[in-house]
Structure formats: structure tokens, C-alpha cells
Amino acid sequence: MPDQTHSNCIARRPVHKGRIVDLSIDTVRFPDGSIGELEMIRHSGASAVLPILGSPADPDPEIVLVRQYRYAADGYLLEVPAGRPEVPGEDWTVCARRELREETGYSAESIVYLTTIFTTPGFTDEKIHLFLAYGLTAGENKLDDDEFIELVRTPLSTALRMIRQGEIVDAKTICTIHAGREWLAEYAAGGTGA
């Protein structure tokens, strides 16, 4: 059965349906008209959020990252809070607010959409919607059973240095920090940040 979300999909052979991803072998018509097979991982998508402590006008605001255990990375990674929708079709801003609260305990007065990225378009349709949050109020986090998280507060400049030095290697986090830095620079210059 063709995949309605991919116009060049001729047929899809399911291989595995999981809790987080579905794997299939897709028969695809390429732009030159030839036909071939590709492995495809389908994912619900996610929201990621850069929490800013204090004012977004601060020249070097403090941000909140999570130090999270990742089995695939065989250890802990520094990341921005992120997660998948609770139900299909959940608004990405709602998802970002919930993940921020669940992973860090913080609630945000303001949340700003930054951009959307494909994580690895060579084999998955996963998109992550990136946000920045400020006007934070502390509260209690609510972690999932498979989440092992510690909060890390750091100046934005330190996080950027950690990216350059290979200490922050998570792609969504690198993208969110850089997109957030651009938004903050525009905000500080008196722009809308949009």
C-alpha cells in the first residue's frame, strides 16, 4: 500500500512496529523515474525547548540543559528538554511546554517557535520542532520510568563553547542552542525575535 505522506512511495513493506518508531522497506520512484528500495523509519516527531533563566535581553543568559542517560550513546548526553507528543496531532507548542515541565519542573510564561529540523533525512522522517522558553517558574519535574535526568544550569556562552569542544554532541541540542542564540541576539537588539 502506498504511503500517503510520501508522494514517491509506490509500496511499503512493514518490518517492525515499535513504541517509538516504525521500520519499513519502501519501494520508491526516484526523481529520474527509476525505482528502488529504501529502509525508512517513521517517527511521530518531537518538540525541543531551550529554557532561558532570567531575561532574554541578558547579554549571556543562563540556560537549563538536562544531563540524560541515552542507551544508544552508551552514556549521558547534555541536551535541551525534548519529547514526543502524548497523542497524535498534539500542538507542538503544547508538547514543548509539557516536556519542559516534565523534564525540568519549569513552566514558561512565554514560549517562542524557532524552526523545525529533520534529524536524519537519509533514513527517517523524524522532525523536531525547536522552541525557546523564558519567564520561567520553578516547580516539580515528572520523569518517565526510563528517564534518568539531572538539571544543568550554564551560561549560553559556556554551552556554545561546549559545542565547539565536542562536549555537547546531541544534534537537536546544537540546533536549538544556535537557533536560540540568533533569536536572543535579535531580541536584545530591540527586534521582535521573530
C-alpha atoms as a PDB file:
ATOM      1  CA  MET A   1       0.000   0.000   0.000  1.00  0.00           C
ATOM      2  CA  PRO A   2       1.497   3.400  -0.966  1.00  0.00           C
ATOM      3  CA  ASP A   3       2.375   5.848   1.790  1.00  0.00           C
ATOM      4  CA  GLN A   4       0.064   8.850   1.566  1.00  0.00           C
ATOM      5  CA  THR A   5       2.655  11.144   3.176  1.00  0.00           C
ATOM      6  CA  HIS A   6       5.408  10.401   0.658  1.00  0.00           C
ATOM      7  CA  SER A   7       4.357  11.101  -2.934  1.00  0.00           C
ATOM      8  CA  ASN A   8       7.088   8.925  -4.459  1.00  0.00           C
ATOM      9  CA  CYS A   9       6.266   5.820  -2.393  1.00  0.00           C
ATOM     10  CA  ILE A  10       4.952   3.009  -4.600  1.00  0.00           C
ATOM     11  CA  ALA A  11       4.717   0.338  -1.904  1.00  0.00           C
ATOM     12  CA  ARG A  12       5.617  -0.144   1.752  1.00  0.00           C
ATOM     13  CA  ARG A  13       6.570  -3.434   3.414  1.00  0.00           C
ATOM     14  CA  PRO A  14       6.334  -3.152   7.229  1.00  0.00           C
ATOM     15  CA  VAL A  15       9.246  -4.735   9.091  1.00  0.00           C
ATOM     16  CA  HIS A  16       8.713  -3.614  12.698  1.00  0.00           C
ATOM     17  CA  LYS A  17       6.091  -1.537  14.531  1.00  0.00           C
ATOM     18  CA  GLY A  18       7.503  -0.253  17.806  1.00  0.00           C
ATOM     19  CA  ARG A  19       6.589   2.006  20.694  1.00  0.00           C
ATOM     20  CA  ILE A  20       8.627   4.901  19.274  1.00  0.00           C
ATOM     21  CA  VAL A  21       9.375   4.091  15.618  1.00  0.00           C
ATOM     22  CA  ASP A  22       8.075   2.010  12.732  1.00  0.00           C
ATOM     23  CA  LEU A  23      10.517   0.460  10.251  1.00  0.00           C
ATOM     24  CA  SER A  24       9.567  -0.425   6.694  1.00  0.00           C
ATOM     25  CA  ILE A  25      11.147  -1.185   3.333  1.00  0.00           C
ATOM     26  CA  ASP A  26       9.692   1.276   0.836  1.00  0.00           C
ATOM     27  CA  THR A  27       9.635   0.860  -2.926  1.00  0.00           C
ATOM     28  CA  VAL A  28      10.303   4.366  -4.196  1.00  0.00           C
ATOM     29  CA  ARG A  29      10.181   6.180  -7.544  1.00  0.00           C
ATOM     30  CA  PHE A  30      13.261   8.432  -7.684  1.00  0.00           C
ATOM     31  CA  PRO A  31      13.315  11.861  -9.419  1.00  0.00           C
ATOM     32  CA  ASP A  32      14.823  10.337 -12.597  1.00  0.00           C
ATOM     33  CA  GLY A  33      11.953   7.813 -12.844  1.00  0.00           C
ATOM     34  CA  SER A  34      13.964   4.811 -11.685  1.00  0.00           C
ATOM     35  CA  ILE A  35      12.636   2.590  -8.907  1.00  0.00           C
ATOM     36  CA  GLY A  36      14.465   1.273  -5.848  1.00  0.00           C
ATOM     37  CA  GLU A  37      14.041   0.199  -2.253  1.00  0.00           C
ATOM     38  CA  LEU A  38      14.872   2.268   0.814  1.00  0.00           C
ATOM     39  CA  GLU A  39      14.768   1.478   4.522  1.00  0.00           C
ATOM     40  CA  MET A  40      12.515   4.004   6.234  1.00  0.00           C
ATOM     41  CA  ILE A  41      11.978   4.762   9.899  1.00  0.00           C
ATOM     42  CA  ARG A  42       8.773   6.640  10.662  1.00  0.00           C
ATOM     43  CA  HIS A  43       8.628   8.711  13.843  1.00  0.00           C
ATOM     44  CA  SER A  44       5.906  10.827  15.452  1.00  0.00           C
ATOM     45  CA  GLY A  45       8.162  13.879  15.679  1.00  0.00           C
ATOM     46  CA  ALA A  46       9.034  15.847  18.792  1.00  0.00           C
ATOM     47  CA  SER A  47       9.433  19.263  20.354  1.00  0.00           C
ATOM     48  CA  ALA A  48      12.650  20.564  21.907  1.00  0.00           C
ATOM     49  CA  VAL A  49      12.932  23.691  24.019  1.00  0.00           C
ATOM     50  CA  LEU A  50      15.779  25.962  25.171  1.00  0.00           C
ATOM     51  CA  PRO A  51      14.873  27.250  28.662  1.00  0.00           C
ATOM     52  CA  ILE A  52      16.237  30.741  29.445  1.00  0.00           C
ATOM     53  CA  LEU A  53      16.581  31.751  33.091  1.00  0.00           C
ATOM     54  CA  GLY A  54      16.254  35.478  33.717  1.00  0.00           C
ATOM     55  CA  SER A  55      15.624  37.936  30.918  1.00  0.00           C
ATOM     56  CA  PRO A  56      16.105  37.094  27.245  1.00  0.00           C
ATOM     57  CA  ALA A  57      17.739  40.552  26.989  1.00  0.00           C
ATOM     58  CA  ASP A  58      20.655  39.443  29.204  1.00  0.00           C
ATOM     59  CA  PRO A  59      23.919  39.531  27.238  1.00  0.00           C
ATOM     60  CA  ASP A  60      24.806  35.975  28.325  1.00  0.00           C
ATOM     61  CA  PRO A  61      21.676  34.375  29.765  1.00  0.00           C
ATOM     62  CA  GLU A  62      21.777  31.264  31.871  1.00  0.00           C
ATOM     63  CA  ILE A  63      20.109  28.269  30.227  1.00  0.00           C
ATOM     64  CA  VAL A  64      18.864  24.943  31.551  1.00  0.00           C
ATOM     65  CA  LEU A  65      20.062  21.697  29.999  1.00  0.00           C
ATOM     66  CA  VAL A  66      19.408  18.137  31.065  1.00  0.00           C
ATOM     67  CA  ARG A  67      22.127  15.554  31.545  1.00  0.00           C
ATOM     68  CA  GLN A  68      20.269  12.468  30.351  1.00  0.00           C
ATOM     69  CA  TYR A  69      21.199   8.810  30.088  1.00  0.00           C
ATOM     70  CA  ARG A  70      20.986   7.587  26.486  1.00  0.00           C
ATOM     71  CA  TYR A  71      21.420   3.890  25.823  1.00  0.00           C
ATOM     72  CA  ALA A  72      22.194   4.471  22.119  1.00  0.00           C
ATOM     73  CA  ALA A  73      25.057   6.805  23.100  1.00  0.00           C
ATOM     74  CA  ASP A  74      26.267   4.392  25.807  1.00  0.00           C
ATOM     75  CA  GLY A  75      26.179   7.064  28.471  1.00  0.00           C
ATOM     76  CA  TYR A  76      24.979  10.522  29.399  1.00  0.00           C
ATOM     77  CA  LEU A  77      24.450  13.441  26.998  1.00  0.00           C
ATOM     78  CA  LEU A  78      23.788  17.117  27.650  1.00  0.00           C
ATOM     79  CA  GLU A  79      20.539  18.017  25.921  1.00  0.00           C
ATOM     80  CA  VAL A  80      17.736  20.522  25.784  1.00  0.00           C
ATOM     81  CA  PRO A  81      14.449  19.168  27.188  1.00  0.00           C
ATOM     82  CA  ALA A  82      12.528  17.382  24.430  1.00  0.00           C
ATOM     83  CA  GLY A  83       9.911  14.763  23.786  1.00  0.00           C
ATOM     84  CA  ARG A  84       7.206  13.296  21.628  1.00  0.00           C
ATOM     85  CA  PRO A  85       3.519  14.237  21.543  1.00  0.00           C
ATOM     86  CA  GLU A  86       1.209  12.485  24.019  1.00  0.00           C
ATOM     87  CA  VAL A  87      -1.432  11.996  21.329  1.00  0.00           C
ATOM     88  CA  PRO A  88      -1.307  12.196  17.509  1.00  0.00           C
ATOM     89  CA  GLY A  89      -1.907  15.748  16.349  1.00  0.00           C
ATOM     90  CA  GLU A  90      -0.925  17.391  19.642  1.00  0.00           C
ATOM     91  CA  ASP A  91       0.109  21.002  19.083  1.00  0.00           C
ATOM     92  CA  TRP A  92       3.921  21.261  19.071  1.00  0.00           C
ATOM     93  CA  THR A  93       3.900  24.250  21.438  1.00  0.00           C
ATOM     94  CA  VAL A  94       1.782  22.300  23.912  1.00  0.00           C
ATOM     95  CA  CYS A  95       4.221  19.400  23.578  1.00  0.00           C
ATOM     96  CA  ALA A  96       7.189  21.716  24.222  1.00  0.00           C
ATOM     97  CA  ARG A  97       5.566  23.238  27.327  1.00  0.00           C
ATOM     98  CA  ARG A  98       4.763  19.786  28.726  1.00  0.00           C
ATOM     99  CA  GLU A  99       8.240  18.389  28.092  1.00  0.00           C
ATOM    100  CA  LEU A 100       9.834  21.448  29.690  1.00  0.00           C
ATOM    101  CA  ARG A 101       7.688  20.983  32.802  1.00  0.00           C
ATOM    102  CA  GLU A 102       8.090  17.191  32.973  1.00  0.00           C
ATOM    103  CA  GLU A 103      11.875  17.128  32.476  1.00  0.00           C
ATOM    104  CA  THR A 104      12.916  20.286  34.362  1.00  0.00           C
ATOM    105  CA  GLY A 105       9.976  21.257  36.577  1.00  0.00           C
ATOM    106  CA  TYR A 106       9.922  24.720  34.981  1.00  0.00           C
ATOM    107  CA  SER A 107       6.810  26.320  33.492  1.00  0.00           C
ATOM    108  CA  ALA A 108       7.232  29.103  30.931  1.00  0.00           C
ATOM    109  CA  GLU A 109       5.370  32.388  30.709  1.00  0.00           C
ATOM    110  CA  SER A 110       6.491  32.731  27.089  1.00  0.00           C
ATOM    111  CA  ILE A 111       7.446  30.140  24.508  1.00  0.00           C
ATOM    112  CA  VAL A 112       8.716  31.065  21.061  1.00  0.00           C
ATOM    113  CA  TYR A 113       8.864  28.882  17.957  1.00  0.00           C
ATOM    114  CA  LEU A 114      12.358  28.902  16.395  1.00  0.00           C
ATOM    115  CA  THR A 115      12.352  26.409  13.497  1.00  0.00           C
ATOM    116  CA  THR A 116      11.780  22.773  12.536  1.00  0.00           C
ATOM    117  CA  ILE A 117      14.550  20.352  11.616  1.00  0.00           C
ATOM    118  CA  PHE A 118      14.764  16.901  10.038  1.00  0.00           C
ATOM    119  CA  THR A 119      17.028  14.862  12.317  1.00  0.00           C
ATOM    120  CA  THR A 120      18.426  12.354   9.800  1.00  0.00           C
ATOM    121  CA  PRO A 121      16.536  12.503   6.479  1.00  0.00           C
ATOM    122  CA  GLY A 122      18.658   9.744   4.943  1.00  0.00           C
ATOM    123  CA  PHE A 123      16.524   7.144   6.713  1.00  0.00           C
ATOM    124  CA  THR A 124      13.859   8.743   8.909  1.00  0.00           C
ATOM    125  CA  ASP A 125      11.031  11.260   8.574  1.00  0.00           C
ATOM    126  CA  GLU A 126      11.540  12.459  12.168  1.00  0.00           C
ATOM    127  CA  LYS A 127      11.092  16.211  12.574  1.00  0.00           C
ATOM    128  CA  ILE A 128      11.855  18.131  15.746  1.00  0.00           C
ATOM    129  CA  HIS A 129      10.172  21.477  16.355  1.00  0.00           C
ATOM    130  CA  LEU A 130      12.518  23.848  18.193  1.00  0.00           C
ATOM    131  CA  PHE A 131      11.392  26.414  20.759  1.00  0.00           C
ATOM    132  CA  LEU A 132      12.815  28.894  23.253  1.00  0.00           C
ATOM    133  CA  ALA A 133      11.151  29.457  26.629  1.00  0.00           C
ATOM    134  CA  TYR A 134      11.518  32.328  29.091  1.00  0.00           C
ATOM    135  CA  GLY A 135       9.704  33.772  32.073  1.00  0.00           C
ATOM    136  CA  LEU A 136      10.315  30.502  33.901  1.00  0.00           C
ATOM    137  CA  THR A 137       8.733  29.462  37.185  1.00  0.00           C
ATOM    138  CA  ALA A 138      10.290  26.557  39.082  1.00  0.00           C
ATOM    139  CA  GLY A 139       8.237  23.509  40.048  1.00  0.00           C
ATOM    140  CA  GLU A 140       8.484  19.730  40.317  1.00  0.00           C
ATOM    141  CA  ASN A 141       9.570  17.567  37.416  1.00  0.00           C
ATOM    142  CA  LYS A 142       7.749  14.357  36.465  1.00  0.00           C
ATOM    143  CA  LEU A 143      10.094  11.918  34.760  1.00  0.00           C
ATOM    144  CA  ASP A 144       9.128   8.812  32.804  1.00  0.00           C
ATOM    145  CA  ASP A 145      10.310   5.460  34.174  1.00  0.00           C
ATOM    146  CA  ASP A 146      13.072   5.255  31.550  1.00  0.00           C
ATOM    147  CA  GLU A 147      14.315   8.840  32.051  1.00  0.00           C
ATOM    148  CA  PHE A 148      17.398   9.449  34.176  1.00  0.00           C
ATOM    149  CA  ILE A 149      17.957  13.205  34.204  1.00  0.00           C
ATOM    150  CA  GLU A 150      19.954  15.798  36.124  1.00  0.00           C
ATOM    151  CA  LEU A 151      19.480  19.541  35.540  1.00  0.00           C
ATOM    152  CA  VAL A 152      22.499  21.565  34.419  1.00  0.00           C
ATOM    153  CA  ARG A 153      22.404  25.367  34.552  1.00  0.00           C
ATOM    154  CA  THR A 154      25.041  27.106  32.448  1.00  0.00           C
ATOM    155  CA  PRO A 155      25.616  30.413  30.676  1.00  0.00           C
ATOM    156  CA  LEU A 156      24.749  30.325  26.972  1.00  0.00           C
ATOM    157  CA  SER A 157      28.376  31.204  26.121  1.00  0.00           C
ATOM    158  CA  THR A 158      29.578  28.124  28.007  1.00  0.00           C
ATOM    159  CA  ALA A 159      27.114  25.904  26.136  1.00  0.00           C
ATOM    160  CA  LEU A 160      28.379  27.311  22.817  1.00  0.00           C
ATOM    161  CA  ARG A 161      31.969  26.594  23.881  1.00  0.00           C
ATOM    162  CA  MET A 162      30.936  23.053  24.878  1.00  0.00           C
ATOM    163  CA  ILE A 163      29.520  22.549  21.374  1.00  0.00           C
ATOM    164  CA  ARG A 164      32.789  23.707  19.803  1.00  0.00           C
ATOM    165  CA  GLN A 165      34.808  21.434  22.102  1.00  0.00           C
ATOM    166  CA  GLY A 166      32.652  18.378  21.435  1.00  0.00           C
ATOM    167  CA  GLU A 167      31.157  18.205  24.935  1.00  0.00           C
ATOM    168  CA  ILE A 168      27.621  18.797  23.617  1.00  0.00           C
ATOM    169  CA  VAL A 169      27.094  16.416  20.689  1.00  0.00           C
ATOM    170  CA  ASP A 170      23.319  15.927  20.536  1.00  0.00           C
ATOM    171  CA  ALA A 171      22.126  17.323  17.195  1.00  0.00           C
ATOM    172  CA  LYS A 172      18.759  18.720  18.327  1.00  0.00           C
ATOM    173  CA  THR A 173      20.503  20.449  21.218  1.00  0.00           C
ATOM    174  CA  ILE A 174      23.161  22.005  18.990  1.00  0.00           C
ATOM    175  CA  CYS A 175      20.482  23.242  16.565  1.00  0.00           C
ATOM    176  CA  THR A 176      18.238  24.569  19.352  1.00  0.00           C
ATOM    177  CA  ILE A 177      21.088  26.424  21.082  1.00  0.00           C
ATOM    178  CA  HIS A 178      22.256  28.036  17.826  1.00  0.00           C
ATOM    179  CA  ALA A 179      18.725  28.968  16.707  1.00  0.00           C
ATOM    180  CA  GLY A 180      18.032  30.283  20.210  1.00  0.00           C
ATOM    181  CA  ARG A 181      21.212  32.362  20.173  1.00  0.00           C
ATOM    182  CA  GLU A 182      20.072  34.017  16.927  1.00  0.00           C
ATOM    183  CA  TRP A 183      16.632  34.769  18.377  1.00  0.00           C
ATOM    184  CA  LEU A 184      18.182  36.184  21.567  1.00  0.00           C
ATOM    185  CA  ALA A 185      20.560  38.435  19.584  1.00  0.00           C
ATOM    186  CA  GLU A 186      17.631  39.893  17.640  1.00  0.00           C
ATOM    187  CA  TYR A 187      15.607  40.301  20.842  1.00  0.00           C
ATOM    188  CA  ALA A 188      18.495  42.077  22.601  1.00  0.00           C
ATOM    189  CA  ALA A 189      18.916  44.397  19.594  1.00  0.00           C
ATOM    190  CA  GLY A 190      15.328  45.538  20.035  1.00  0.00           C
ATOM    191  CA  GLY A 191      13.758  43.308  17.433  1.00  0.00           C
ATOM    192  CA  THR A 192      10.807  41.046  17.986  1.00  0.00           C
ATOM    193  CA  GLY A 193      12.990  37.943  17.912  1.00  0.00           C
ATOM    194  CA  ALA A 194      10.736  36.551  15.198  1.00  0.00           C
END
